[in-house]
Amino acid sequence: MAKTRPTEDSLVHSRALDEMETGDILRLIHVEDGVAHAAVGECLPRMAEAVEVLAHAIGGGGRWFNVGAGTSGRLGVLDASEIPPTYGLAPRVVQGVIAGGDRALRHAVENAEDDPQAGRLELTERGLTLGDAVVGISASGQTPFVLGAIEAAVEAGARTIAITCDPDSPLAESVEIAIAPRVGPEVVTGSTRMKGGLVQKMILSALSTAVMVRLGRVRGHHMTHVSPGSSKLRGRAMRILMELGGIERDRARALLRQTEGSVELALEILETERLHRSA
C-alpha cells in the first residue's frame, strides 16, 4: 500500500466537520493553527541557516527568488513584493515566481504547476547565476514547476532552500537547506492553503525580516530604508526620523525634503552635523 503524503492525511478531529456548529469549526481551525505555529518553532535552526545564505547572496549582489505554484506561489510573490516599499531594495533583488505567471495571482491555473520545464525556463530567462539563491515553496514538496526551478538553480550553482511540509519529499531532498515544519493533516483534507499556507507565510515573513536586519536595513526596530510612496509611509518616515534623530517635526520634514524621502540619508546628515559640532 502506497504511503500517504503528510499533506493528504486525514485529521481525525475534523471527520464530522460538516456536522459541527460554527463555533466548533472555528475553534478547531484555531487549535490547528496553533499546531502550525509550534511546527515553525521547531524549524528555527534551519531558518537561521537560510537567513545567512540569503543575506550573503543579496549582500554579494545576487538575487533571491521565491518559486511556487498556487497558494505557495502567491505567498512567495506577496513577500517579495513587500521588500521594496518596506526596505528600499530594488524590485529585481527579491523576486516572486509563480507558475502560470501574473494571471495565477488572481485565478487558479492548476495545470501550470505540472510543468518542470516551465520552472526551469522562468529562472533561465531571468538570468539565474552563481550568486543567486532560490527558495522553492511547496506544501507537498512534489510540485514539478518548483522541482524544475530547483534543478536549474543547482545547475547554475545558485544556493537552494525549500519550504515544505514534508521533510521526506523530493523538494526537501534536492536542496541545501530544507525548512520542513510538520503540520500534520489539514482540517479540510488536502487544503494546504490552511496550515500549509500559514507556515509558509510565517517562514517567509521571518526570513525576509531577519535578512533585512542582517543587511542593515533596520536601526533598532525601525525600517530606516522605507520608501515613502504614500501618505501613510511618509508619516512613518517622519516619525522614524524624529525618534532616531531626536529632532522636531519641522526639522525632520526639511531633511526628508532634502533627501527625497530617505530616512537613512537624513540620519547620516544629522550624524555628520553632530560630528562637526563635537570636533
Foldseek 3Di string as FASTA:
>chain_A
DDDDFQLQDDDPVQPVVVVDDPVVNVVVLVVLLVLLVVLLVVLVVLLVVVLVLLLQLVVVVAAEEEEEEALSLLLQQVLLVPCCQQQNDDSLRYHGHYQPPPVRNPDHPPCSQQDLVQLLVVCVVSVAAQSYEYEYEDARLAGSSSVSVLVNCVVRNHAYEYEYQGCPHPNNVSHPGYRHGPSGADSPRNPCCRSVVSSSNVSSVVSVVSSSVVNVCDDPHGRQARDQPDPVSLVSLQVVLCVVLVDDSVLSVVLCVVVVNRSVVSSVVSVVVVVVVVD
